[in-house]
Amino acid sequence: MSDNPEGAGLPSGLKQAVRENASRFRWLGIALIVLGILAILFPLVASVATKLLIGWIFLLSGAALLWHAFQARGWQPAVLSGLIGLLQLAVGVYLAFFPLTGLVGLTLILAVVFMVQGAVELALSWQHRPGQGNDGPGWVWMGLSGLISLALGMLLTAGLPGTALWAIGLLLGINLLSSGISFVALASAANRL
């Protein structure tokens, strides 16, 4: 028998919840895998769909803020709230009703996020290298992850505007696929917990 059986250290309530919902986790995982594969096969469609979803979120939140500003006219910051609502409405209209516009901007934002994430991971990796009071091997993996994130951000930026047509959809697809695989794996491991 192993010294560290699978699921050791997990609260018993969590183990029980995983066992009871294994079938749901499996079906969720399968659905995410299918959506991930579709997004990888059709990255432009997935990119546009993601952009449209973000646009509608901005439209709804902008409308709610604008409604709130009109309802709270006696509140001094209501004007600022209304201006933010108008700004969100404008961004929402731009993203939701013009299918191919905005993809470059969203891709640039994604590239900047990757570069910042990569820089932070590299800094953390450098701080946790051997000889700094930490002898764990995790610093290498964090550094590698930082380099990959930094490189992805630079590649996305260097390839603009062409990368805007596929980057968001492809990355979304990879994320959905990996999440789906993890849910299927969790469901498969439920009986061993």
C-alpha atoms as a PDB file:
ATOM      1  CA  MET A   1       0.000   0.000   0.000  1.00  0.00           C
ATOM      2  CA  SER A   2       1.274   3.467  -0.917  1.00  0.00           C
ATOM      3  CA  ASP A   3       2.402   5.968   1.704  1.00  0.00           C
ATOM      4  CA  ASN A   4       0.544   8.725  -0.131  1.00  0.00           C
ATOM      5  CA  PRO A   5      -2.655   7.285  -1.604  1.00  0.00           C
ATOM      6  CA  GLU A   6      -4.556   9.271  -4.177  1.00  0.00           C
ATOM      7  CA  GLY A   7      -6.824  11.791  -2.497  1.00  0.00           C
ATOM      8  CA  ALA A   8      -4.804  11.873   0.728  1.00  0.00           C
ATOM      9  CA  GLY A   9      -5.128  15.235   2.392  1.00  0.00           C
ATOM     10  CA  LEU A  10      -8.450  16.050   0.753  1.00  0.00           C
ATOM     11  CA  PRO A  11     -11.354  16.756   3.091  1.00  0.00           C
ATOM     12  CA  SER A  12     -13.766  13.826   3.276  1.00  0.00           C
ATOM     13  CA  GLY A  13     -16.684  16.069   2.232  1.00  0.00           C
ATOM     14  CA  LEU A  14     -14.837  16.995  -0.965  1.00  0.00           C
ATOM     15  CA  LYS A  15     -14.029  13.353  -1.707  1.00  0.00           C
ATOM     16  CA  GLN A  16     -17.678  12.416  -1.219  1.00  0.00           C
ATOM     17  CA  ALA A  17     -18.872  15.275  -3.456  1.00  0.00           C
ATOM     18  CA  VAL A  18     -16.478  14.192  -6.217  1.00  0.00           C
ATOM     19  CA  ARG A  19     -17.663  10.570  -5.972  1.00  0.00           C
ATOM     20  CA  GLU A  20     -21.344  11.592  -6.024  1.00  0.00           C
ATOM     21  CA  ASN A  21     -20.908  13.899  -9.031  1.00  0.00           C
ATOM     22  CA  ALA A  22     -18.439  11.832 -11.071  1.00  0.00           C
ATOM     23  CA  SER A  23     -20.949  11.339 -13.874  1.00  0.00           C
ATOM     24  CA  ARG A  24     -21.593  15.100 -14.116  1.00  0.00           C
ATOM     25  CA  PHE A  25     -17.858  15.811 -14.141  1.00  0.00           C
ATOM     26  CA  ARG A  26     -17.406  13.267 -16.932  1.00  0.00           C
ATOM     27  CA  TRP A  27     -20.167  14.781 -19.090  1.00  0.00           C
ATOM     28  CA  LEU A  28     -18.926  18.311 -18.412  1.00  0.00           C
ATOM     29  CA  GLY A  29     -15.440  17.185 -19.400  1.00  0.00           C
ATOM     30  CA  ILE A  30     -16.679  15.596 -22.619  1.00  0.00           C
ATOM     31  CA  ALA A  31     -18.649  18.736 -23.523  1.00  0.00           C
ATOM     32  CA  LEU A  32     -15.595  20.935 -22.865  1.00  0.00           C
ATOM     33  CA  ILE A  33     -13.386  18.620 -24.931  1.00  0.00           C
ATOM     34  CA  VAL A  34     -15.804  18.807 -27.882  1.00  0.00           C
ATOM     35  CA  LEU A  35     -16.055  22.617 -27.604  1.00  0.00           C
ATOM     36  CA  GLY A  36     -12.275  22.863 -27.291  1.00  0.00           C
ATOM     37  CA  ILE A  37     -11.686  20.749 -30.398  1.00  0.00           C
ATOM     38  CA  LEU A  38     -14.227  22.820 -32.348  1.00  0.00           C
ATOM     39  CA  ALA A  39     -12.544  26.060 -31.221  1.00  0.00           C
ATOM     40  CA  ILE A  40      -9.132  24.700 -32.262  1.00  0.00           C
ATOM     41  CA  LEU A  41     -10.475  23.578 -35.660  1.00  0.00           C
ATOM     42  CA  PHE A  42     -12.341  26.859 -36.253  1.00  0.00           C
ATOM     43  CA  PRO A  43     -10.309  29.517 -34.413  1.00  0.00           C
ATOM     44  CA  LEU A  44     -11.749  32.499 -36.300  1.00  0.00           C
ATOM     45  CA  VAL A  45     -15.315  31.492 -35.426  1.00  0.00           C
ATOM     46  CA  ALA A  46     -14.319  30.947 -31.795  1.00  0.00           C
ATOM     47  CA  SER A  47     -12.474  34.304 -31.710  1.00  0.00           C
ATOM     48  CA  VAL A  48     -15.478  36.177 -33.091  1.00  0.00           C
ATOM     49  CA  ALA A  49     -17.878  34.338 -30.747  1.00  0.00           C
ATOM     50  CA  THR A  50     -15.691  35.216 -27.744  1.00  0.00           C
ATOM     51  CA  LYS A  51     -15.501  38.850 -28.835  1.00  0.00           C
ATOM     52  CA  LEU A  52     -19.284  38.989 -29.293  1.00  0.00           C
ATOM     53  CA  LEU A  53     -19.818  37.522 -25.819  1.00  0.00           C
ATOM     54  CA  ILE A  54     -17.496  40.112 -24.293  1.00  0.00           C
ATOM     55  CA  GLY A  55     -19.340  42.821 -26.255  1.00  0.00           C
ATOM     56  CA  TRP A  56     -22.711  41.723 -24.882  1.00  0.00           C
ATOM     57  CA  ILE A  57     -21.329  41.667 -21.345  1.00  0.00           C
ATOM     58  CA  PHE A  58     -20.181  45.275 -21.807  1.00  0.00           C
ATOM     59  CA  LEU A  59     -23.579  46.193 -23.281  1.00  0.00           C
ATOM     60  CA  LEU A  60     -25.497  44.718 -20.359  1.00  0.00           C
ATOM     61  CA  SER A  61     -23.226  46.139 -17.671  1.00  0.00           C
ATOM     62  CA  GLY A  62     -23.205  49.555 -19.380  1.00  0.00           C
ATOM     63  CA  ALA A  63     -26.987  49.571 -19.577  1.00  0.00           C
ATOM     64  CA  ALA A  64     -27.228  48.609 -15.890  1.00  0.00           C
ATOM     65  CA  LEU A  65     -24.815  51.378 -14.875  1.00  0.00           C
ATOM     66  CA  LEU A  66     -26.664  53.933 -16.986  1.00  0.00           C
ATOM     67  CA  TRP A  67     -30.012  52.867 -15.518  1.00  0.00           C
ATOM     68  CA  HIS A  68     -28.520  53.129 -12.026  1.00  0.00           C
ATOM     69  CA  ALA A  69     -27.173  56.624 -12.776  1.00  0.00           C
ATOM     70  CA  PHE A  70     -30.652  57.807 -13.828  1.00  0.00           C
ATOM     71  CA  GLN A  71     -32.239  56.220 -10.768  1.00  0.00           C
ATOM     72  CA  ALA A  72     -29.713  57.800  -8.396  1.00  0.00           C
ATOM     73  CA  ARG A  73     -29.686  61.340  -9.830  1.00  0.00           C
ATOM     74  CA  GLY A  74     -29.419  62.828  -6.311  1.00  0.00           C
ATOM     75  CA  TRP A  75     -26.215  60.892  -5.668  1.00  0.00           C
ATOM     76  CA  GLN A  76     -23.252  63.096  -6.565  1.00  0.00           C
ATOM     77  CA  PRO A  77     -21.145  60.383  -8.327  1.00  0.00           C
ATOM     78  CA  ALA A  78     -24.161  59.457 -10.486  1.00  0.00           C
ATOM     79  CA  VAL A  79     -22.749  61.527 -13.354  1.00  0.00           C
ATOM     80  CA  LEU A  80     -19.489  59.557 -13.270  1.00  0.00           C
ATOM     81  CA  SER A  81     -21.422  56.318 -13.059  1.00  0.00           C
ATOM     82  CA  GLY A  82     -23.456  57.406 -16.075  1.00  0.00           C
ATOM     83  CA  LEU A  83     -20.307  58.274 -18.033  1.00  0.00           C
ATOM     84  CA  ILE A  84     -18.804  54.862 -17.259  1.00  0.00           C
ATOM     85  CA  GLY A  85     -22.097  53.298 -18.354  1.00  0.00           C
ATOM     86  CA  LEU A  86     -21.978  55.208 -21.640  1.00  0.00           C
ATOM     87  CA  LEU A  87     -18.367  54.145 -22.192  1.00  0.00           C
ATOM     88  CA  GLN A  88     -19.247  50.508 -21.546  1.00  0.00           C
ATOM     89  CA  LEU A  89     -22.234  50.783 -23.893  1.00  0.00           C
ATOM     90  CA  ALA A  90     -19.998  52.192 -26.629  1.00  0.00           C
ATOM     91  CA  VAL A  91     -17.419  49.420 -26.178  1.00  0.00           C
ATOM     92  CA  GLY A  92     -20.219  46.850 -26.107  1.00  0.00           C
ATOM     93  CA  VAL A  93     -21.736  48.129 -29.352  1.00  0.00           C
ATOM     94  CA  TYR A  94     -18.295  48.157 -30.985  1.00  0.00           C
ATOM     95  CA  LEU A  95     -17.522  44.586 -29.929  1.00  0.00           C
ATOM     96  CA  ALA A  96     -21.000  43.059 -30.283  1.00  0.00           C
ATOM     97  CA  PHE A  97     -22.174  44.538 -33.579  1.00  0.00           C
ATOM     98  CA  PHE A  98     -19.013  44.725 -35.678  1.00  0.00           C
ATOM     99  CA  PRO A  99     -17.850  41.100 -35.987  1.00  0.00           C
ATOM    100  CA  LEU A 100     -14.255  41.474 -37.164  1.00  0.00           C
ATOM    101  CA  THR A 101     -13.372  44.771 -35.520  1.00  0.00           C
ATOM    102  CA  GLY A 102     -11.977  44.671 -32.046  1.00  0.00           C
ATOM    103  CA  LEU A 103     -10.163  41.368 -32.539  1.00  0.00           C
ATOM    104  CA  VAL A 104      -6.850  43.188 -32.946  1.00  0.00           C
ATOM    105  CA  GLY A 105      -7.400  45.128 -29.725  1.00  0.00           C
ATOM    106  CA  LEU A 106      -8.401  42.033 -27.769  1.00  0.00           C
ATOM    107  CA  THR A 107      -5.411  40.126 -29.149  1.00  0.00           C
ATOM    108  CA  LEU A 108      -3.104  42.966 -28.144  1.00  0.00           C
ATOM    109  CA  ILE A 109      -4.577  42.952 -24.626  1.00  0.00           C
ATOM    110  CA  LEU A 110      -4.063  39.171 -24.487  1.00  0.00           C
ATOM    111  CA  ALA A 111      -0.449  39.600 -25.653  1.00  0.00           C
ATOM    112  CA  VAL A 112       0.213  42.215 -22.956  1.00  0.00           C
ATOM    113  CA  VAL A 113      -1.322  39.936 -20.299  1.00  0.00           C
ATOM    114  CA  PHE A 114       0.937  37.082 -21.445  1.00  0.00           C
ATOM    115  CA  MET A 115       4.031  39.313 -21.371  1.00  0.00           C
ATOM    116  CA  VAL A 116       3.251  40.669 -17.898  1.00  0.00           C
ATOM    117  CA  GLN A 117       2.498  37.144 -16.632  1.00  0.00           C
ATOM    118  CA  GLY A 118       5.768  35.903 -18.135  1.00  0.00           C
ATOM    119  CA  ALA A 119       7.781  38.716 -16.568  1.00  0.00           C
ATOM    120  CA  VAL A 120       6.231  38.103 -13.136  1.00  0.00           C
ATOM    121  CA  GLU A 121       6.821  34.338 -13.370  1.00  0.00           C
ATOM    122  CA  LEU A 122      10.444  34.911 -14.410  1.00  0.00           C
ATOM    123  CA  ALA A 123      10.965  37.285 -11.473  1.00  0.00           C
ATOM    124  CA  LEU A 124       9.428  34.784  -9.049  1.00  0.00           C
ATOM    125  CA  SER A 125      11.516  32.007 -10.540  1.00  0.00           C
ATOM    126  CA  TRP A 126      14.685  34.063 -10.121  1.00  0.00           C
ATOM    127  CA  GLN A 127      13.795  34.778  -6.474  1.00  0.00           C
ATOM    128  CA  HIS A 128      13.205  31.078  -5.745  1.00  0.00           C
ATOM    129  CA  ARG A 129      16.286  29.625  -7.420  1.00  0.00           C
ATOM    130  CA  PRO A 130      18.681  27.461  -5.389  1.00  0.00           C
ATOM    131  CA  GLY A 131      20.994  29.402  -3.143  1.00  0.00           C
ATOM    132  CA  GLN A 132      18.274  31.880  -2.198  1.00  0.00           C
ATOM    133  CA  GLY A 133      17.033  29.837   0.739  1.00  0.00           C
ATOM    134  CA  ASN A 134      14.856  27.629  -1.501  1.00  0.00           C
ATOM    135  CA  ASP A 135      16.105  24.375  -2.903  1.00  0.00           C
ATOM    136  CA  GLY A 136      12.870  23.207  -4.530  1.00  0.00           C
ATOM    137  CA  PRO A 137      12.871  22.241  -8.207  1.00  0.00           C
ATOM    138  CA  GLY A 138       9.720  24.277  -8.909  1.00  0.00           C
ATOM    139  CA  TRP A 139      11.717  27.393  -9.786  1.00  0.00           C
ATOM    140  CA  VAL A 140      12.786  25.829 -13.099  1.00  0.00           C
ATOM    141  CA  TRP A 141       9.199  25.081 -14.123  1.00  0.00           C
ATOM    142  CA  MET A 142       8.042  28.540 -13.134  1.00  0.00           C
ATOM    143  CA  GLY A 143      10.901  30.059 -15.140  1.00  0.00           C
ATOM    144  CA  LEU A 144      10.027  27.902 -18.147  1.00  0.00           C
ATOM    145  CA  SER A 145       6.382  28.913 -17.878  1.00  0.00           C
ATOM    146  CA  GLY A 146       7.458  32.567 -17.692  1.00  0.00           C
ATOM    147  CA  LEU A 147       9.624  32.233 -20.797  1.00  0.00           C
ATOM    148  CA  ILE A 148       6.797  30.537 -22.716  1.00  0.00           C
ATOM    149  CA  SER A 149       4.262  33.216 -21.668  1.00  0.00           C
ATOM    150  CA  LEU A 150       6.690  35.986 -22.591  1.00  0.00           C
ATOM    151  CA  ALA A 151       7.415  34.377 -25.972  1.00  0.00           C
ATOM    152  CA  LEU A 152       3.702  33.880 -26.683  1.00  0.00           C
ATOM    153  CA  GLY A 153       3.008  37.527 -25.903  1.00  0.00           C
ATOM    154  CA  MET A 154       5.805  38.688 -28.183  1.00  0.00           C
ATOM    155  CA  LEU A 155       4.725  36.344 -30.996  1.00  0.00           C
ATOM    156  CA  LEU A 156       1.138  37.558 -30.775  1.00  0.00           C
ATOM    157  CA  THR A 157       2.281  41.180 -30.871  1.00  0.00           C
ATOM    158  CA  ALA A 158       4.752  40.628 -33.708  1.00  0.00           C
ATOM    159  CA  GLY A 159       2.127  38.867 -35.823  1.00  0.00           C
ATOM    160  CA  LEU A 160      -0.588  41.509 -35.504  1.00  0.00           C
ATOM    161  CA  PRO A 161      -2.979  42.008 -37.229  1.00  0.00           C
ATOM    162  CA  GLY A 162      -2.840  38.469 -38.651  1.00  0.00           C
ATOM    163  CA  THR A 163      -2.712  36.740 -35.268  1.00  0.00           C
ATOM    164  CA  ALA A 164      -5.990  38.428 -34.323  1.00  0.00           C
ATOM    165  CA  LEU A 165      -7.850  36.091 -36.678  1.00  0.00           C
ATOM    166  CA  TRP A 166      -6.902  32.912 -34.835  1.00  0.00           C
ATOM    167  CA  ALA A 167      -5.182  33.598 -31.500  1.00  0.00           C
ATOM    168  CA  ILE A 168      -8.135  34.107 -29.173  1.00  0.00           C
ATOM    169  CA  GLY A 169     -10.095  31.161 -30.594  1.00  0.00           C
ATOM    170  CA  LEU A 170      -7.095  28.819 -30.581  1.00  0.00           C
ATOM    171  CA  LEU A 171      -6.103  29.695 -27.023  1.00  0.00           C
ATOM    172  CA  LEU A 172      -9.714  29.378 -25.880  1.00  0.00           C
ATOM    173  CA  GLY A 173      -9.869  25.970 -27.558  1.00  0.00           C
ATOM    174  CA  ILE A 174      -6.690  24.787 -25.858  1.00  0.00           C
ATOM    175  CA  ASN A 175      -8.029  26.003 -22.515  1.00  0.00           C
ATOM    176  CA  LEU A 176     -11.390  24.257 -23.000  1.00  0.00           C
ATOM    177  CA  LEU A 177      -9.662  21.057 -24.133  1.00  0.00           C
ATOM    178  CA  SER A 178      -7.306  20.955 -21.137  1.00  0.00           C
ATOM    179  CA  SER A 179     -10.157  21.749 -18.728  1.00  0.00           C
ATOM    180  CA  GLY A 180     -12.282  19.008 -20.276  1.00  0.00           C
ATOM    181  CA  ILE A 181      -9.492  16.461 -19.973  1.00  0.00           C
ATOM    182  CA  SER A 182      -9.000  17.398 -16.321  1.00  0.00           C
ATOM    183  CA  PHE A 183     -12.720  16.930 -15.566  1.00  0.00           C
ATOM    184  CA  VAL A 184     -12.743  13.519 -17.269  1.00  0.00           C
ATOM    185  CA  ALA A 185      -9.623  12.551 -15.312  1.00  0.00           C
ATOM    186  CA  LEU A 186     -11.247  13.721 -12.073  1.00  0.00           C
ATOM    187  CA  ALA A 187     -14.334  11.636 -12.827  1.00  0.00           C
ATOM    188  CA  SER A 188     -12.162   8.618 -13.604  1.00  0.00           C
ATOM    189  CA  ALA A 189     -10.256   9.026 -10.334  1.00  0.00           C
ATOM    190  CA  ALA A 190     -13.425   9.480  -8.261  1.00  0.00           C
ATOM    191  CA  ASN A 191     -13.631   5.799  -7.269  1.00  0.00           C
ATOM    192  CA  ARG A 192     -10.018   5.818  -6.036  1.00  0.00           C
ATOM    193  CA  LEU A 193     -10.547   8.826  -3.746  1.00  0.00           C
END
